[in-house]
Amino acid sequence: MAKLSPRSSVGASAGDFAQVLVDSGLVSSEEMEQARMALSDAGLPADDEALAKHFIDSSRLTQYQIDLVRAGKLDVLRIGNY
């Protein structure tokens, strides 16, 4: 199981939500870029809410995972094999 860095255990405030998703390993930087491009192509802003909806709608993340990221509770998530 991957160990989260101390930075990634901090709650995702406005502006760093996407970076926390990448830093935590929940999504790769390539997946984040693809999500931003897909939102842009659809004429949508690539803000935190739209990114969260994109990853949930694409079954990449669950609402539970998003909620934990927003609450700064990544320490209860298990990343990798468990």
C-alpha atoms as a PDB file:
ATOM      1  CA  MET A   1       0.000   0.000   0.000  1.00  0.00           C
ATOM      2  CA  ALA A   2       1.313   3.427  -0.889  1.00  0.00           C
ATOM      3  CA  LYS A   3       2.044   5.811   1.957  1.00  0.00           C
ATOM      4  CA  LEU A   4       0.647   9.300   1.558  1.00  0.00           C
ATOM      5  CA  SER A   5       2.942  12.244   1.995  1.00  0.00           C
ATOM      6  CA  PRO A   6       2.203  14.715   4.809  1.00  0.00           C
ATOM      7  CA  ARG A   7       1.228  17.350   2.234  1.00  0.00           C
ATOM      8  CA  SER A   8      -1.466  15.097   0.793  1.00  0.00           C
ATOM      9  CA  SER A   9      -3.132  14.667   4.170  1.00  0.00           C
ATOM     10  CA  VAL A  10      -4.020  18.361   4.261  1.00  0.00           C
ATOM     11  CA  GLY A  11      -7.578  19.223   3.257  1.00  0.00           C
ATOM     12  CA  ALA A  12      -8.218  20.364  -0.256  1.00  0.00           C
ATOM     13  CA  SER A  13      -9.106  24.021  -0.140  1.00  0.00           C
ATOM     14  CA  ALA A  14     -10.104  25.988  -3.196  1.00  0.00           C
ATOM     15  CA  GLY A  15      -7.285  25.964  -5.700  1.00  0.00           C
ATOM     16  CA  ASP A  16      -5.408  22.896  -4.535  1.00  0.00           C
ATOM     17  CA  PHE A  17      -8.054  20.184  -4.927  1.00  0.00           C
ATOM     18  CA  ALA A  18      -6.655  18.996  -8.257  1.00  0.00           C
ATOM     19  CA  GLN A  19      -3.100  18.992  -6.918  1.00  0.00           C
ATOM     20  CA  VAL A  20      -4.126  16.965  -3.849  1.00  0.00           C
ATOM     21  CA  LEU A  21      -5.765  14.389  -6.130  1.00  0.00           C
ATOM     22  CA  VAL A  22      -2.524  14.062  -8.089  1.00  0.00           C
ATOM     23  CA  ASP A  23      -0.180  14.224  -5.073  1.00  0.00           C
ATOM     24  CA  SER A  24      -2.169  11.528  -3.285  1.00  0.00           C
ATOM     25  CA  GLY A  25      -1.968   9.160  -6.229  1.00  0.00           C
ATOM     26  CA  LEU A  26      -5.740   9.033  -6.650  1.00  0.00           C
ATOM     27  CA  VAL A  27      -5.308  10.266 -10.216  1.00  0.00           C
ATOM     28  CA  SER A  28      -2.212  10.656 -12.342  1.00  0.00           C
ATOM     29  CA  SER A  29      -1.102  13.972 -13.748  1.00  0.00           C
ATOM     30  CA  GLU A  30      -1.986  12.612 -17.198  1.00  0.00           C
ATOM     31  CA  GLU A  31      -5.527  11.765 -16.027  1.00  0.00           C
ATOM     32  CA  MET A  32      -5.865  15.255 -14.572  1.00  0.00           C
ATOM     33  CA  GLU A  33      -4.751  16.851 -17.837  1.00  0.00           C
ATOM     34  CA  GLN A  34      -7.170  14.653 -19.815  1.00  0.00           C
ATOM     35  CA  ALA A  35      -9.998  15.617 -17.460  1.00  0.00           C
ATOM     36  CA  ARG A  36      -9.218  19.314 -17.862  1.00  0.00           C
ATOM     37  CA  MET A  37      -9.128  18.945 -21.654  1.00  0.00           C
ATOM     38  CA  ALA A  38     -12.432  17.036 -21.689  1.00  0.00           C
ATOM     39  CA  LEU A  39     -14.093  19.733 -19.590  1.00  0.00           C
ATOM     40  CA  SER A  40     -12.661  22.465 -21.790  1.00  0.00           C
ATOM     41  CA  ASP A  41     -13.832  20.671 -24.942  1.00  0.00           C
ATOM     42  CA  ALA A  42     -17.318  20.495 -23.418  1.00  0.00           C
ATOM     43  CA  GLY A  43     -17.230  24.226 -22.694  1.00  0.00           C
ATOM     44  CA  LEU A  44     -17.123  23.659 -18.944  1.00  0.00           C
ATOM     45  CA  PRO A  45     -14.786  25.227 -16.399  1.00  0.00           C
ATOM     46  CA  ALA A  46     -12.105  22.940 -14.978  1.00  0.00           C
ATOM     47  CA  ASP A  47     -12.933  23.980 -11.417  1.00  0.00           C
ATOM     48  CA  ASP A  48     -12.957  21.700  -8.379  1.00  0.00           C
ATOM     49  CA  GLU A  49     -16.649  20.840  -8.675  1.00  0.00           C
ATOM     50  CA  ALA A  50     -16.445  20.020 -12.382  1.00  0.00           C
ATOM     51  CA  LEU A  51     -13.309  17.915 -11.887  1.00  0.00           C
ATOM     52  CA  ALA A  52     -14.928  15.994  -9.040  1.00  0.00           C
ATOM     53  CA  LYS A  53     -18.041  15.350 -11.143  1.00  0.00           C
ATOM     54  CA  HIS A  54     -15.904  14.261 -14.099  1.00  0.00           C
ATOM     55  CA  PHE A  55     -13.972  11.695 -12.051  1.00  0.00           C
ATOM     56  CA  ILE A  56     -17.155  10.393 -10.407  1.00  0.00           C
ATOM     57  CA  ASP A  57     -19.090  10.205 -13.694  1.00  0.00           C
ATOM     58  CA  SER A  58     -16.200   8.358 -15.333  1.00  0.00           C
ATOM     59  CA  SER A  59     -16.094   5.907 -12.393  1.00  0.00           C
ATOM     60  CA  ARG A  60     -12.486   6.904 -11.680  1.00  0.00           C
ATOM     61  CA  LEU A  61     -13.286   8.084  -8.142  1.00  0.00           C
ATOM     62  CA  THR A  62     -16.212   7.664  -5.793  1.00  0.00           C
ATOM     63  CA  GLN A  63     -18.127  10.383  -3.987  1.00  0.00           C
ATOM     64  CA  TYR A  64     -16.670   8.929  -0.773  1.00  0.00           C
ATOM     65  CA  GLN A  65     -13.114   9.478  -2.023  1.00  0.00           C
ATOM     66  CA  ILE A  66     -13.925  13.026  -3.147  1.00  0.00           C
ATOM     67  CA  ASP A  67     -15.513  13.790   0.229  1.00  0.00           C
ATOM     68  CA  LEU A  68     -12.435  12.533   2.081  1.00  0.00           C
ATOM     69  CA  VAL A  69     -10.123  14.638  -0.086  1.00  0.00           C
ATOM     70  CA  ARG A  70     -12.233  17.720   0.574  1.00  0.00           C
ATOM     71  CA  ALA A  71     -12.263  16.989   4.305  1.00  0.00           C
ATOM     72  CA  GLY A  72      -8.507  16.418   4.433  1.00  0.00           C
ATOM     73  CA  LYS A  73      -8.925  12.823   5.593  1.00  0.00           C
ATOM     74  CA  LEU A  74      -6.748  11.018   3.090  1.00  0.00           C
ATOM     75  CA  ASP A  75      -5.157   9.060   5.908  1.00  0.00           C
ATOM     76  CA  VAL A  76      -8.242   6.786   6.004  1.00  0.00           C
ATOM     77  CA  LEU A  77      -8.000   6.011   2.285  1.00  0.00           C
ATOM     78  CA  ARG A  78      -6.090   2.945   1.203  1.00  0.00           C
ATOM     79  CA  ILE A  79      -4.128   3.542  -1.975  1.00  0.00           C
ATOM     80  CA  GLY A  80      -2.844   0.475  -3.837  1.00  0.00           C
ATOM     81  CA  ASN A  81      -3.158  -3.132  -2.723  1.00  0.00           C
ATOM     82  CA  TYR A  82      -4.733  -3.727   0.649  1.00  0.00           C
END
